[in-house]
Amino acid sequence: MVVFSGQGGGWPGEFASFVGEFRGIEYVPITFEIADDLAYWAAEVPGKATARAEALTGRTTPEGQRVQVHNPPGAEVGPGQVATWGRAMTDRAEGFGFKWEWDGRSSKHFPFDWSGPGE
């Protein structure tokens, strides 16, 4: 909670300052899968959320490459990252008064490794 609430400082602390209301936290199992070639990524919180996205591709995307943005401004995971763009095949969640179903919308994958103070 220290990292995601912004209490640990750094980039997560700056990002948390934009969040208007912290509604709570639950400790639940999370499963995720990311293809080695970033062709897809998926995550599930049983009974709460499920998401799966496929990387964008097209006629002008070189074989084996992904549509990516390097150093995107305002990246949720901090500066110096690479965003891989995709399309949400499944994106549904419910909890803490929120509920959404955003299948078919855009998605992006950011690698990140956040840790709190002294970790």
PDB file of N, CA and C in Angstrom:
ATOM      1  N   MET A   1       0.816  -1.181   0.000  1.00  0.00           N
ATOM      2  CA  MET A   1       0.000   0.000   0.000  1.00  0.00           C
ATOM      3  C   MET A   1       0.868   1.258   0.000  1.00  0.00           C
ATOM      4  N   VAL A   2       2.036   1.175   0.581  1.00  0.00           N
ATOM      5  CA  VAL A   2       2.933   2.331   0.641  1.00  0.00           C
ATOM      6  C   VAL A   2       3.225   2.857  -0.762  1.00  0.00           C
ATOM      7  N   VAL A   3       3.472   1.950  -1.707  1.00  0.00           N
ATOM      8  CA  VAL A   3       3.812   2.374  -3.062  1.00  0.00           C
ATOM      9  C   VAL A   3       2.600   2.955  -3.773  1.00  0.00           C
ATOM     10  N   PHE A   4       1.497   2.211  -3.832  1.00  0.00           N
ATOM     11  CA  PHE A   4       0.350   2.641  -4.624  1.00  0.00           C
ATOM     12  C   PHE A   4      -0.402   3.820  -4.021  1.00  0.00           C
ATOM     13  N   SER A   5      -0.288   4.059  -2.730  1.00  0.00           N
ATOM     14  CA  SER A   5      -0.932   5.223  -2.127  1.00  0.00           C
ATOM     15  C   SER A   5      -0.084   6.478  -2.300  1.00  0.00           C
ATOM     16  N   GLY A   6       1.180   6.308  -2.713  1.00  0.00           N
ATOM     17  CA  GLY A   6       2.078   7.441  -2.897  1.00  0.00           C
ATOM     18  C   GLY A   6       2.904   7.770  -1.669  1.00  0.00           C
ATOM     19  N   GLN A   7       2.677   7.035  -0.559  1.00  0.00           N
ATOM     20  CA  GLN A   7       3.385   7.307   0.680  1.00  0.00           C
ATOM     21  C   GLN A   7       4.885   7.054   0.571  1.00  0.00           C
ATOM     22  N   GLY A   8       5.287   6.246  -0.398  1.00  0.00           N
ATOM     23  CA  GLY A   8       6.705   5.931  -0.578  1.00  0.00           C
ATOM     24  C   GLY A   8       7.465   7.019  -1.316  1.00  0.00           C
ATOM     25  N   GLY A   9       6.751   8.012  -1.841  1.00  0.00           N
ATOM     26  CA  GLY A   9       7.403   9.106  -2.557  1.00  0.00           C
ATOM     27  C   GLY A   9       7.738   8.739  -3.988  1.00  0.00           C
ATOM     28  N   GLY A  10       8.710   9.441  -4.562  1.00  0.00           N
ATOM     29  CA  GLY A  10       9.129   9.195  -5.945  1.00  0.00           C
ATOM     30  C   GLY A  10       7.998   9.428  -6.923  1.00  0.00           C
ATOM     31  N   TRP A  11       8.108   8.783  -8.092  1.00  0.00           N
ATOM     32  CA  TRP A  11       7.082   8.942  -9.114  1.00  0.00           C
ATOM     33  C   TRP A  11       5.706   8.504  -8.629  1.00  0.00           C
ATOM     34  N   PRO A  12       5.562   7.347  -7.921  1.00  0.00           N
ATOM     35  CA  PRO A  12       4.223   6.987  -7.434  1.00  0.00           C
ATOM     36  C   PRO A  12       3.633   8.062  -6.514  1.00  0.00           C
ATOM     37  N   GLY A  13       4.468   8.730  -5.729  1.00  0.00           N
ATOM     38  CA  GLY A  13       3.981   9.810  -4.878  1.00  0.00           C
ATOM     39  C   GLY A  13       3.448  10.973  -5.680  1.00  0.00           C
ATOM     40  N   GLU A  14       4.147  11.318  -6.762  1.00  0.00           N
ATOM     41  CA  GLU A  14       3.682  12.398  -7.632  1.00  0.00           C
ATOM     42  C   GLU A  14       2.371  12.009  -8.310  1.00  0.00           C
ATOM     43  N   PHE A  15       2.300  10.769  -8.796  1.00  0.00           N
ATOM     44  CA  PHE A  15       1.097  10.292  -9.477  1.00  0.00           C
ATOM     45  C   PHE A  15      -0.093  10.274  -8.518  1.00  0.00           C
ATOM     46  N   ALA A  16       0.121   9.823  -7.276  1.00  0.00           N
ATOM     47  CA  ALA A  16      -0.956   9.749  -6.289  1.00  0.00           C
ATOM     48  C   ALA A  16      -1.526  11.121  -5.964  1.00  0.00           C
ATOM     49  N   SER A  17      -0.733  12.161  -6.145  1.00  0.00           N
ATOM     50  CA  SER A  17      -1.227  13.506  -5.840  1.00  0.00           C
ATOM     51  C   SER A  17      -2.349  13.927  -6.800  1.00  0.00           C
ATOM     52  N   PHE A  18      -2.486  13.257  -7.940  1.00  0.00           N
ATOM     53  CA  PHE A  18      -3.542  13.565  -8.895  1.00  0.00           C
ATOM     54  C   PHE A  18      -4.825  12.791  -8.611  1.00  0.00           C
ATOM     55  N   VAL A  19      -4.741  11.786  -7.764  1.00  0.00           N
ATOM     56  CA  VAL A  19      -5.898  10.949  -7.447  1.00  0.00           C
ATOM     57  C   VAL A  19      -6.735  11.665  -6.395  1.00  0.00           C
ATOM     58  N   GLY A  20      -8.010  11.852  -6.669  1.00  0.00           N
ATOM     59  CA  GLY A  20      -8.856  12.625  -5.777  1.00  0.00           C
ATOM     60  C   GLY A  20      -9.329  11.884  -4.541  1.00  0.00           C
ATOM     61  N   GLU A  21      -9.589  10.591  -4.663  1.00  0.00           N
ATOM     62  CA  GLU A  21     -10.164   9.855  -3.543  1.00  0.00           C
ATOM     63  C   GLU A  21      -9.624   8.436  -3.529  1.00  0.00           C
ATOM     64  N   PHE A  22      -9.067   8.039  -2.417  1.00  0.00           N
ATOM     65  CA  PHE A  22      -8.588   6.667  -2.242  1.00  0.00           C
ATOM     66  C   PHE A  22      -9.703   5.884  -1.569  1.00  0.00           C
ATOM     67  N   ARG A  23     -10.276   4.897  -2.250  1.00  0.00           N
ATOM     68  CA  ARG A  23     -11.469   4.212  -1.760  1.00  0.00           C
ATOM     69  C   ARG A  23     -11.190   2.957  -0.954  1.00  0.00           C
ATOM     70  N   GLY A  24      -9.972   2.497  -0.904  1.00  0.00           N
ATOM     71  CA  GLY A  24      -9.685   1.318  -0.096  1.00  0.00           C
ATOM     72  C   GLY A  24      -8.729   0.372  -0.779  1.00  0.00           C
ATOM     73  N   ILE A  25      -8.429  -0.706  -0.084  1.00  0.00           N
ATOM     74  CA  ILE A  25      -7.515  -1.706  -0.603  1.00  0.00           C
ATOM     75  C   ILE A  25      -7.954  -3.082  -0.118  1.00  0.00           C
ATOM     76  N   GLU A  26      -7.824  -4.047  -0.973  1.00  0.00           N
ATOM     77  CA  GLU A  26      -8.095  -5.438  -0.628  1.00  0.00           C
ATOM     78  C   GLU A  26      -6.882  -6.255  -1.032  1.00  0.00           C
ATOM     79  N   TYR A  27      -6.572  -7.278  -0.270  1.00  0.00           N
ATOM     80  CA  TYR A  27      -5.494  -8.195  -0.606  1.00  0.00           C
ATOM     81  C   TYR A  27      -6.116  -9.420  -1.246  1.00  0.00           C
ATOM     82  N   VAL A  28      -5.888  -9.589  -2.538  1.00  0.00           N
ATOM     83  CA  VAL A  28      -6.485 -10.674  -3.308  1.00  0.00           C
ATOM     84  C   VAL A  28      -5.439 -11.248  -4.260  1.00  0.00           C
ATOM     85  N   PRO A  29      -5.640 -12.497  -4.695  1.00  0.00           N
ATOM     86  CA  PRO A  29      -4.706 -13.051  -5.676  1.00  0.00           C
ATOM     87  C   PRO A  29      -4.891 -12.383  -7.029  1.00  0.00           C
ATOM     88  N   ILE A  30      -3.795 -12.137  -7.698  1.00  0.00           N
ATOM     89  CA  ILE A  30      -3.807 -11.559  -9.034  1.00  0.00           C
ATOM     90  C   ILE A  30      -2.997 -12.484  -9.932  1.00  0.00           C
ATOM     91  N   THR A  31      -3.566 -12.859 -11.048  1.00  0.00           N
ATOM     92  CA  THR A  31      -2.804 -13.632 -12.029  1.00  0.00           C
ATOM     93  C   THR A  31      -2.608 -12.756 -13.253  1.00  0.00           C
ATOM     94  N   PHE A  32      -1.456 -12.898 -13.870  1.00  0.00           N
ATOM     95  CA  PHE A  32      -1.208 -12.149 -15.097  1.00  0.00           C
ATOM     96  C   PHE A  32      -0.331 -12.968 -16.015  1.00  0.00           C
ATOM     97  N   GLU A  33      -0.428 -12.636 -17.274  1.00  0.00           N
ATOM     98  CA  GLU A  33       0.350 -13.328 -18.302  1.00  0.00           C
ATOM     99  C   GLU A  33       0.744 -12.300 -19.351  1.00  0.00           C
ATOM    100  N   ILE A  34       1.997 -12.342 -19.748  1.00  0.00           N
ATOM    101  CA  ILE A  34       2.504 -11.448 -20.779  1.00  0.00           C
ATOM    102  C   ILE A  34       3.283 -12.300 -21.766  1.00  0.00           C
ATOM    103  N   ALA A  35       2.899 -12.264 -23.036  1.00  0.00           N
ATOM    104  CA  ALA A  35       3.607 -13.036 -24.052  1.00  0.00           C
ATOM    105  C   ALA A  35       5.048 -12.549 -24.162  1.00  0.00           C
ATOM    106  N   ASP A  36       5.970 -13.466 -24.362  1.00  0.00           N
ATOM    107  CA  ASP A  36       7.384 -13.101 -24.499  1.00  0.00           C
ATOM    108  C   ASP A  36       7.608 -12.068 -25.596  1.00  0.00           C
ATOM    109  N   ASP A  37       6.809 -12.143 -26.661  1.00  0.00           N
ATOM    110  CA  ASP A  37       6.955 -11.201 -27.771  1.00  0.00           C
ATOM    111  C   ASP A  37       5.984 -10.025 -27.676  1.00  0.00           C
ATOM    112  N   LEU A  38       5.311  -9.872 -26.525  1.00  0.00           N
ATOM    113  CA  LEU A  38       4.326  -8.814 -26.265  1.00  0.00           C
ATOM    114  C   LEU A  38       3.143  -8.835 -27.234  1.00  0.00           C
ATOM    115  N   ALA A  39       2.827 -10.000 -27.802  1.00  0.00           N
ATOM    116  CA  ALA A  39       1.677 -10.103 -28.690  1.00  0.00           C
ATOM    117  C   ALA A  39       0.373  -9.922 -27.922  1.00  0.00           C
ATOM    118  N   TYR A  40       0.368 -10.241 -26.619  1.00  0.00           N
ATOM    119  CA  TYR A  40      -0.814 -10.069 -25.783  1.00  0.00           C
ATOM    120  C   TYR A  40      -0.391  -9.930 -24.329  1.00  0.00           C
ATOM    121  N   TRP A  41      -1.287  -9.434 -23.503  1.00  0.00           N
ATOM    122  CA  TRP A  41      -1.105  -9.391 -22.060  1.00  0.00           C
ATOM    123  C   TRP A  41      -2.476  -9.554 -21.423  1.00  0.00           C
ATOM    124  N   ALA A  42      -2.508 -10.148 -20.236  1.00  0.00           N
ATOM    125  CA  ALA A  42      -3.775 -10.431 -19.569  1.00  0.00           C
ATOM    126  C   ALA A  42      -3.588 -10.398 -18.061  1.00  0.00           C
ATOM    127  N   ALA A  43      -4.673 -10.095 -17.350  1.00  0.00           N
ATOM    128  CA  ALA A  43      -4.661 -10.087 -15.889  1.00  0.00           C
ATOM    129  C   ALA A  43      -6.043 -10.471 -15.394  1.00  0.00           C
ATOM    130  N   GLU A  44      -6.079 -11.079 -14.193  1.00  0.00           N
ATOM    131  CA  GLU A  44      -7.357 -11.420 -13.585  1.00  0.00           C
ATOM    132  C   GLU A  44      -7.266 -11.311 -12.075  1.00  0.00           C
ATOM    133  N   VAL A  45      -8.301 -10.717 -11.502  1.00  0.00           N
ATOM    134  CA  VAL A  45      -8.530 -10.722 -10.061  1.00  0.00           C
ATOM    135  C   VAL A  45      -9.868 -11.439  -9.922  1.00  0.00           C
ATOM    136  N   PRO A  46      -9.853 -12.714  -9.503  1.00  0.00           N
ATOM    137  CA  PRO A  46     -11.087 -13.510  -9.489  1.00  0.00           C
ATOM    138  C   PRO A  46     -12.252 -12.795  -8.788  1.00  0.00           C
ATOM    139  N   GLY A  47     -13.377 -12.703  -9.507  1.00  0.00           N
ATOM    140  CA  GLY A  47     -14.574 -12.072  -8.982  1.00  0.00           C
ATOM    141  C   GLY A  47     -14.562 -10.558  -9.005  1.00  0.00           C
ATOM    142  N   LYS A  48     -13.441  -9.947  -9.415  1.00  0.00           N
ATOM    143  CA  LYS A  48     -13.333  -8.488  -9.418  1.00  0.00           C
ATOM    144  C   LYS A  48     -13.030  -7.907 -10.792  1.00  0.00           C
ATOM    145  N   ALA A  49     -12.041  -8.476 -11.482  1.00  0.00           N
ATOM    146  CA  ALA A  49     -11.609  -7.881 -12.746  1.00  0.00           C
ATOM    147  C   ALA A  49     -11.009  -8.939 -13.664  1.00  0.00           C
ATOM    148  N   THR A  50     -11.198  -8.717 -14.946  1.00  0.00           N
ATOM    149  CA  THR A  50     -10.549  -9.546 -15.962  1.00  0.00           C
ATOM    150  C   THR A  50     -10.208  -8.655 -17.150  1.00  0.00           C
ATOM    151  N   ALA A  51      -9.018  -8.846 -17.675  1.00  0.00           N
ATOM    152  CA  ALA A  51      -8.571  -8.017 -18.791  1.00  0.00           C
ATOM    153  C   ALA A  51      -7.655  -8.825 -19.698  1.00  0.00           C
ATOM    154  N   ARG A  52      -7.786  -8.603 -20.982  1.00  0.00           N
ATOM    155  CA  ARG A  52      -6.892  -9.217 -21.968  1.00  0.00           C
ATOM    156  C   ARG A  52      -6.791  -8.263 -23.139  1.00  0.00           C
ATOM    157  N   ALA A  53      -5.577  -8.049 -23.619  1.00  0.00           N
ATOM    158  CA  ALA A  53      -5.359  -7.153 -24.755  1.00  0.00           C
ATOM    159  C   ALA A  53      -4.427  -7.820 -25.751  1.00  0.00           C
ATOM    160  N   GLU A  54      -4.579  -7.459 -26.994  1.00  0.00           N
ATOM    161  CA  GLU A  54      -3.697  -7.921 -28.062  1.00  0.00           C
ATOM    162  C   GLU A  54      -2.975  -6.708 -28.635  1.00  0.00           C
ATOM    163  N   ALA A  55      -1.685  -6.854 -28.886  1.00  0.00           N
ATOM    164  CA  ALA A  55      -0.870  -5.757 -29.401  1.00  0.00           C
ATOM    165  C   ALA A  55      -1.360  -5.331 -30.781  1.00  0.00           C
ATOM    166  N   LEU A  56      -1.284  -4.029 -31.031  1.00  0.00           N
ATOM    167  CA  LEU A  56      -1.634  -3.515 -32.354  1.00  0.00           C
ATOM    168  C   LEU A  56      -0.600  -3.965 -33.373  1.00  0.00           C
ATOM    169  N   THR A  57      -1.065  -4.159 -34.563  1.00  0.00           N
ATOM    170  CA  THR A  57      -0.196  -4.515 -35.674  1.00  0.00           C
ATOM    171  C   THR A  57      -0.863  -4.006 -36.951  1.00  0.00           C
ATOM    172  N   GLY A  58      -0.179  -4.077 -38.032  1.00  0.00           N
ATOM    173  CA  GLY A  58      -0.754  -3.629 -39.292  1.00  0.00           C
ATOM    174  C   GLY A  58       0.237  -3.806 -40.424  1.00  0.00           C
ATOM    175  N   ARG A  59      -0.163  -3.378 -41.585  1.00  0.00           N
ATOM    176  CA  ARG A  59       0.665  -3.573 -42.785  1.00  0.00           C
ATOM    177  C   ARG A  59       2.011  -2.879 -42.700  1.00  0.00           C
ATOM    178  N   THR A  60       2.094  -1.779 -41.963  1.00  0.00           N
ATOM    179  CA  THR A  60       3.364  -1.051 -41.890  1.00  0.00           C
ATOM    180  C   THR A  60       4.187  -1.397 -40.649  1.00  0.00           C
ATOM    181  N   THR A  61       3.679  -2.314 -39.821  1.00  0.00           N
ATOM    182  CA  THR A  61       4.427  -2.755 -38.637  1.00  0.00           C
ATOM    183  C   THR A  61       5.366  -3.878 -39.064  1.00  0.00           C
ATOM    184  N   PRO A  62       6.677  -3.711 -38.880  1.00  0.00           N
ATOM    185  CA  PRO A  62       7.621  -4.761 -39.272  1.00  0.00           C
ATOM    186  C   PRO A  62       7.332  -6.086 -38.557  1.00  0.00           C
ATOM    187  N   GLU A  63       7.566  -7.176 -39.232  1.00  0.00           N
ATOM    188  CA  GLU A  63       7.366  -8.519 -38.687  1.00  0.00           C
ATOM    189  C   GLU A  63       8.055  -8.650 -37.328  1.00  0.00           C
ATOM    190  N   GLY A  64       7.309  -9.131 -36.332  1.00  0.00           N
ATOM    191  CA  GLY A  64       7.874  -9.353 -35.007  1.00  0.00           C
ATOM    192  C   GLY A  64       8.028  -8.102 -34.160  1.00  0.00           C
ATOM    193  N   GLN A  65       7.639  -6.940 -34.675  1.00  0.00           N
ATOM    194  CA  GLN A  65       7.749  -5.689 -33.937  1.00  0.00           C
ATOM    195  C   GLN A  65       6.381  -5.294 -33.392  1.00  0.00           C
ATOM    196  N   ARG A  66       6.378  -4.365 -32.463  1.00  0.00           N
ATOM    197  CA  ARG A  66       5.142  -3.886 -31.849  1.00  0.00           C
ATOM    198  C   ARG A  66       5.020  -2.369 -32.034  1.00  0.00           C
ATOM    199  N   VAL A  67       3.790  -1.869 -31.981  1.00  0.00           N
ATOM    200  CA  VAL A  67       3.546  -0.435 -32.015  1.00  0.00           C
ATOM    201  C   VAL A  67       3.864   0.076 -30.610  1.00  0.00           C
ATOM    202  N   GLN A  68       4.920   0.892 -30.512  1.00  0.00           N
ATOM    203  CA  GLN A  68       5.388   1.342 -29.200  1.00  0.00           C
ATOM    204  C   GLN A  68       5.709   2.829 -29.206  1.00  0.00           C
ATOM    205  N   VAL A  69       5.625   3.423 -28.014  1.00  0.00           N
ATOM    206  CA  VAL A  69       6.019   4.806 -27.797  1.00  0.00           C
ATOM    207  C   VAL A  69       7.082   4.795 -26.714  1.00  0.00           C
ATOM    208  N   HIS A  70       8.218   5.405 -27.000  1.00  0.00           N
ATOM    209  CA  HIS A  70       9.305   5.489 -26.030  1.00  0.00           C
ATOM    210  C   HIS A  70       9.220   6.822 -25.300  1.00  0.00           C
ATOM    211  N   ASN A  71       9.400   6.793 -23.988  1.00  0.00           N
ATOM    212  CA  ASN A  71       9.344   7.992 -23.134  1.00  0.00           C
ATOM    213  C   ASN A  71       8.037   8.759 -23.277  1.00  0.00           C
ATOM    214  N   PRO A  72       6.877   8.076 -23.172  1.00  0.00           N
ATOM    215  CA  PRO A  72       5.611   8.798 -23.312  1.00  0.00           C
ATOM    216  C   PRO A  72       5.415   9.794 -22.174  1.00  0.00           C
ATOM    217  N   PRO A  73       4.886  10.963 -22.473  1.00  0.00           N
ATOM    218  CA  PRO A  73       4.668  11.950 -21.417  1.00  0.00           C
ATOM    219  C   PRO A  73       3.539  11.500 -20.494  1.00  0.00           C
ATOM    220  N   GLY A  74       3.710  11.726 -19.199  1.00  0.00           N
ATOM    221  CA  GLY A  74       2.663  11.392 -18.237  1.00  0.00           C
ATOM    222  C   GLY A  74       2.460   9.908 -18.025  1.00  0.00           C
ATOM    223  N   ALA A  75       3.479   9.090 -18.278  1.00  0.00           N
ATOM    224  CA  ALA A  75       3.338   7.644 -18.099  1.00  0.00           C
ATOM    225  C   ALA A  75       3.022   7.317 -16.642  1.00  0.00           C
ATOM    226  N   GLU A  76       2.026   6.473 -16.426  1.00  0.00           N
ATOM    227  CA  GLU A  76       1.582   6.118 -15.089  1.00  0.00           C
ATOM    228  C   GLU A  76       2.657   5.436 -14.256  1.00  0.00           C
ATOM    229  N   VAL A  77       3.647   4.859 -14.905  1.00  0.00           N
ATOM    230  CA  VAL A  77       4.676   4.100 -14.184  1.00  0.00           C
ATOM    231  C   VAL A  77       5.994   4.849 -14.072  1.00  0.00           C
ATOM    232  N   GLY A  78       6.004   6.111 -14.458  1.00  0.00           N
ATOM    233  CA  GLY A  78       7.205   6.919 -14.304  1.00  0.00           C
ATOM    234  C   GLY A  78       7.899   7.201 -15.618  1.00  0.00           C
ATOM    235  N   PRO A  79       8.925   8.023 -15.559  1.00  0.00           N
ATOM    236  CA  PRO A  79       9.633   8.438 -16.774  1.00  0.00           C
ATOM    237  C   PRO A  79      10.532   7.336 -17.338  1.00  0.00           C
ATOM    238  N   GLY A  80      10.863   7.473 -18.623  1.00  0.00           N
ATOM    239  CA  GLY A  80      11.819   6.574 -19.266  1.00  0.00           C
ATOM    240  C   GLY A  80      11.278   5.214 -19.644  1.00  0.00           C
ATOM    241  N   GLN A  81       9.975   5.068 -19.807  1.00  0.00           N
ATOM    242  CA  GLN A  81       9.378   3.767 -20.096  1.00  0.00           C
ATOM    243  C   GLN A  81       9.025   3.621 -21.571  1.00  0.00           C
ATOM    244  N   VAL A  82       8.650   2.400 -21.942  1.00  0.00           N
ATOM    245  CA  VAL A  82       8.195   2.091 -23.291  1.00  0.00           C
ATOM    246  C   VAL A  82       6.769   1.555 -23.181  1.00  0.00           C
ATOM    247  N   ALA A  83       5.843   2.167 -23.899  1.00  0.00           N
ATOM    248  CA  ALA A  83       4.448   1.720 -23.920  1.00  0.00           C
ATOM    249  C   ALA A  83       4.211   0.916 -25.187  1.00  0.00           C
ATOM    250  N   THR A  84       3.667  -0.285 -25.034  1.00  0.00           N
ATOM    251  CA  THR A  84       3.255  -1.102 -26.170  1.00  0.00           C
ATOM    252  C   THR A  84       1.745  -0.955 -26.280  1.00  0.00           C
ATOM    253  N   TRP A  85       1.279  -0.558 -27.459  1.00  0.00           N
ATOM    254  CA  TRP A  85      -0.131  -0.267 -27.654  1.00  0.00           C
ATOM    255  C   TRP A  85      -0.894  -1.486 -28.127  1.00  0.00           C
ATOM    256  N   GLY A  86      -2.131  -1.605 -27.657  1.00  0.00           N
ATOM    257  CA  GLY A  86      -2.952  -2.741 -28.026  1.00  0.00           C
ATOM    258  C   GLY A  86      -4.424  -2.399 -27.999  1.00  0.00           C
ATOM    259  N   ARG A  87      -5.229  -3.438 -28.206  1.00  0.00           N
ATOM    260  CA  ARG A  87      -6.689  -3.316 -28.178  1.00  0.00           C
ATOM    261  C   ARG A  87      -7.205  -4.253 -27.100  1.00  0.00           C
ATOM    262  N   ALA A  88      -8.044  -3.720 -26.206  1.00  0.00           N
ATOM    263  CA  ALA A  88      -8.615  -4.531 -25.133  1.00  0.00           C
ATOM    264  C   ALA A  88      -9.629  -5.509 -25.718  1.00  0.00           C
ATOM    265  N   MET A  89      -9.355  -6.787 -25.581  1.00  0.00           N
ATOM    266  CA  MET A  89     -10.295  -7.811 -26.020  1.00  0.00           C
ATOM    267  C   MET A  89     -11.338  -8.037 -24.924  1.00  0.00           C
ATOM    268  N   THR A  90     -10.899  -7.964 -23.672  1.00  0.00           N
ATOM    269  CA  THR A  90     -11.752  -8.064 -22.492  1.00  0.00           C
ATOM    270  C   THR A  90     -11.239  -7.072 -21.474  1.00  0.00           C
ATOM    271  N   ASP A  91     -12.110  -6.257 -20.920  1.00  0.00           N
ATOM    272  CA  ASP A  91     -11.713  -5.301 -19.885  1.00  0.00           C
ATOM    273  C   ASP A  91     -12.941  -5.010 -19.027  1.00  0.00           C
ATOM    274  N   ARG A  92     -13.061  -5.759 -17.932  1.00  0.00           N
ATOM    275  CA  ARG A  92     -14.226  -5.622 -17.052  1.00  0.00           C
ATOM    276  C   ARG A  92     -13.766  -5.627 -15.607  1.00  0.00           C
ATOM    277  N   ALA A  93     -14.366  -4.774 -14.816  1.00  0.00           N
ATOM    278  CA  ALA A  93     -14.015  -4.722 -13.396  1.00  0.00           C
ATOM    279  C   ALA A  93     -15.178  -4.161 -12.586  1.00  0.00           C
ATOM    280  N   GLU A  94     -15.177  -4.523 -11.298  1.00  0.00           N
ATOM    281  CA  GLU A  94     -16.176  -4.020 -10.377  1.00  0.00           C
ATOM    282  C   GLU A  94     -15.595  -4.036  -8.970  1.00  0.00           C
ATOM    283  N   GLY A  95     -15.738  -2.927  -8.261  1.00  0.00           N
ATOM    284  CA  GLY A  95     -15.295  -2.864  -6.874  1.00  0.00           C
ATOM    285  C   GLY A  95     -15.161  -1.437  -6.389  1.00  0.00           C
ATOM    286  N   PHE A  96     -15.316  -1.240  -5.097  1.00  0.00           N
ATOM    287  CA  PHE A  96     -15.200   0.063  -4.448  1.00  0.00           C
ATOM    288  C   PHE A  96     -16.097   1.110  -5.103  1.00  0.00           C
ATOM    289  N   GLY A  97     -17.273   0.684  -5.540  1.00  0.00           N
ATOM    290  CA  GLY A  97     -18.217   1.624  -6.140  1.00  0.00           C
ATOM    291  C   GLY A  97     -17.998   1.889  -7.614  1.00  0.00           C
ATOM    292  N   PHE A  98     -17.025   1.228  -8.229  1.00  0.00           N
ATOM    293  CA  PHE A  98     -16.756   1.378  -9.654  1.00  0.00           C
ATOM    294  C   PHE A  98     -17.222   0.130 -10.397  1.00  0.00           C
ATOM    295  N   LYS A  99     -17.648   0.325 -11.615  1.00  0.00           N
ATOM    296  CA  LYS A  99     -17.986  -0.804 -12.484  1.00  0.00           C
ATOM    297  C   LYS A  99     -17.780  -0.353 -13.915  1.00  0.00           C
ATOM    298  N   TRP A 100     -17.041  -1.151 -14.696  1.00  0.00           N
ATOM    299  CA  TRP A 100     -16.890  -0.800 -16.098  1.00  0.00           C
ATOM    300  C   TRP A 100     -16.718  -2.043 -16.959  1.00  0.00           C
ATOM    301  N   GLU A 101     -17.031  -1.848 -18.220  1.00  0.00           N
ATOM    302  CA  GLU A 101     -16.865  -2.867 -19.253  1.00  0.00           C
ATOM    303  C   GLU A 101     -16.385  -2.127 -20.487  1.00  0.00           C
ATOM    304  N   TRP A 102     -15.088  -2.212 -20.749  1.00  0.00           N
ATOM    305  CA  TRP A 102     -14.477  -1.428 -21.811  1.00  0.00           C
ATOM    306  C   TRP A 102     -13.880  -2.291 -22.920  1.00  0.00           C
ATOM    307  N   ASP A 103     -14.505  -3.402 -23.219  1.00  0.00           N
ATOM    308  CA  ASP A 103     -14.024  -4.256 -24.306  1.00  0.00           C
ATOM    309  C   ASP A 103     -13.911  -3.444 -25.592  1.00  0.00           C
ATOM    310  N   GLY A 104     -12.869  -3.707 -26.365  1.00  0.00           N
ATOM    311  CA  GLY A 104     -12.701  -3.068 -27.663  1.00  0.00           C
ATOM    312  C   GLY A 104     -12.002  -1.723 -27.630  1.00  0.00           C
ATOM    313  N   ARG A 105     -11.740  -1.190 -26.450  1.00  0.00           N
ATOM    314  CA  ARG A 105     -11.055   0.098 -26.371  1.00  0.00           C
ATOM    315  C   ARG A 105      -9.542  -0.091 -26.414  1.00  0.00           C
ATOM    316  N   SER A 106      -8.833   1.007 -26.392  1.00  0.00           N
ATOM    317  CA  SER A 106      -7.376   0.912 -26.461  1.00  0.00           C
ATOM    318  C   SER A 106      -6.801   0.406 -25.143  1.00  0.00           C
ATOM    319  N   SER A 107      -5.619  -0.167 -25.242  1.00  0.00           N
ATOM    320  CA  SER A 107      -4.907  -0.688 -24.085  1.00  0.00           C
ATOM    321  C   SER A 107      -3.429  -0.392 -24.287  1.00  0.00           C
ATOM    322  N   LYS A 108      -2.680  -0.381 -23.199  1.00  0.00           N
ATOM    323  CA  LYS A 108      -1.237  -0.235 -23.332  1.00  0.00           C
ATOM    324  C   LYS A 108      -0.565  -1.056 -22.249  1.00  0.00           C
ATOM    325  N   HIS A 109       0.607  -1.524 -22.566  1.00  0.00           N
ATOM    326  CA  HIS A 109       1.396  -2.306 -21.616  1.00  0.00           C
ATOM    327  C   HIS A 109       2.654  -1.530 -21.284  1.00  0.00           C
ATOM    328  N   PHE A 110       2.890  -1.315 -19.982  1.00  0.00           N
ATOM    329  CA  PHE A 110       4.106  -0.690 -19.480  1.00  0.00           C
ATOM    330  C   PHE A 110       4.803  -1.678 -18.554  1.00  0.00           C
ATOM    331  N   PRO A 111       6.068  -1.957 -18.751  1.00  0.00           N
ATOM    332  CA  PRO A 111       6.785  -2.711 -17.715  1.00  0.00           C
ATOM    333  C   PRO A 111       7.052  -1.775 -16.536  1.00  0.00           C
ATOM    334  N   PHE A 112       7.025  -2.300 -15.315  1.00  0.00           N
ATOM    335  CA  PHE A 112       7.374  -1.468 -14.166  1.00  0.00           C
ATOM    336  C   PHE A 112       7.838  -2.346 -13.008  1.00  0.00           C
ATOM    337  N   ASP A 113       8.582  -1.738 -12.122  1.00  0.00           N
ATOM    338  CA  ASP A 113       9.077  -2.422 -10.934  1.00  0.00           C
ATOM    339  C   ASP A 113       9.141  -1.387  -9.815  1.00  0.00           C
ATOM    340  N   TRP A 114       8.017  -1.185  -9.126  1.00  0.00           N
ATOM    341  CA  TRP A 114       7.964  -0.227  -8.035  1.00  0.00           C
ATOM    342  C   TRP A 114       8.271  -0.933  -6.730  1.00  0.00           C
ATOM    343  N   SER A 115       8.913  -0.233  -5.853  1.00  0.00           N
ATOM    344  CA  SER A 115       9.140  -0.755  -4.502  1.00  0.00           C
ATOM    345  C   SER A 115       9.107   0.424  -3.538  1.00  0.00           C
ATOM    346  N   GLY A 116       8.789   0.134  -2.299  1.00  0.00           N
ATOM    347  CA  GLY A 116       8.708   1.173  -1.289  1.00  0.00           C
ATOM    348  C   GLY A 116      10.056   1.440  -0.659  1.00  0.00           C
ATOM    349  N   PRO A 117      10.114   2.372   0.283  1.00  0.00           N
ATOM    350  CA  PRO A 117      11.352   2.722   0.955  1.00  0.00           C
ATOM    351  C   PRO A 117      11.996   1.503   1.619  1.00  0.00           C
ATOM    352  N   GLY A 118      13.285   1.336   1.427  1.00  0.00           N
ATOM    353  CA  GLY A 118      14.012   0.252   2.071  1.00  0.00           C
ATOM    354  C   GLY A 118      13.738  -1.124   1.500  1.00  0.00           C
ATOM    355  N   GLU A 119      13.045  -1.204   0.382  1.00  0.00           N
ATOM    356  CA  GLU A 119      12.733  -2.517  -0.212  1.00  0.00           C
ATOM    357  C   GLU A 119      13.618  -2.797  -1.397  1.00  0.00           C
TER     358      GLU A 119
END
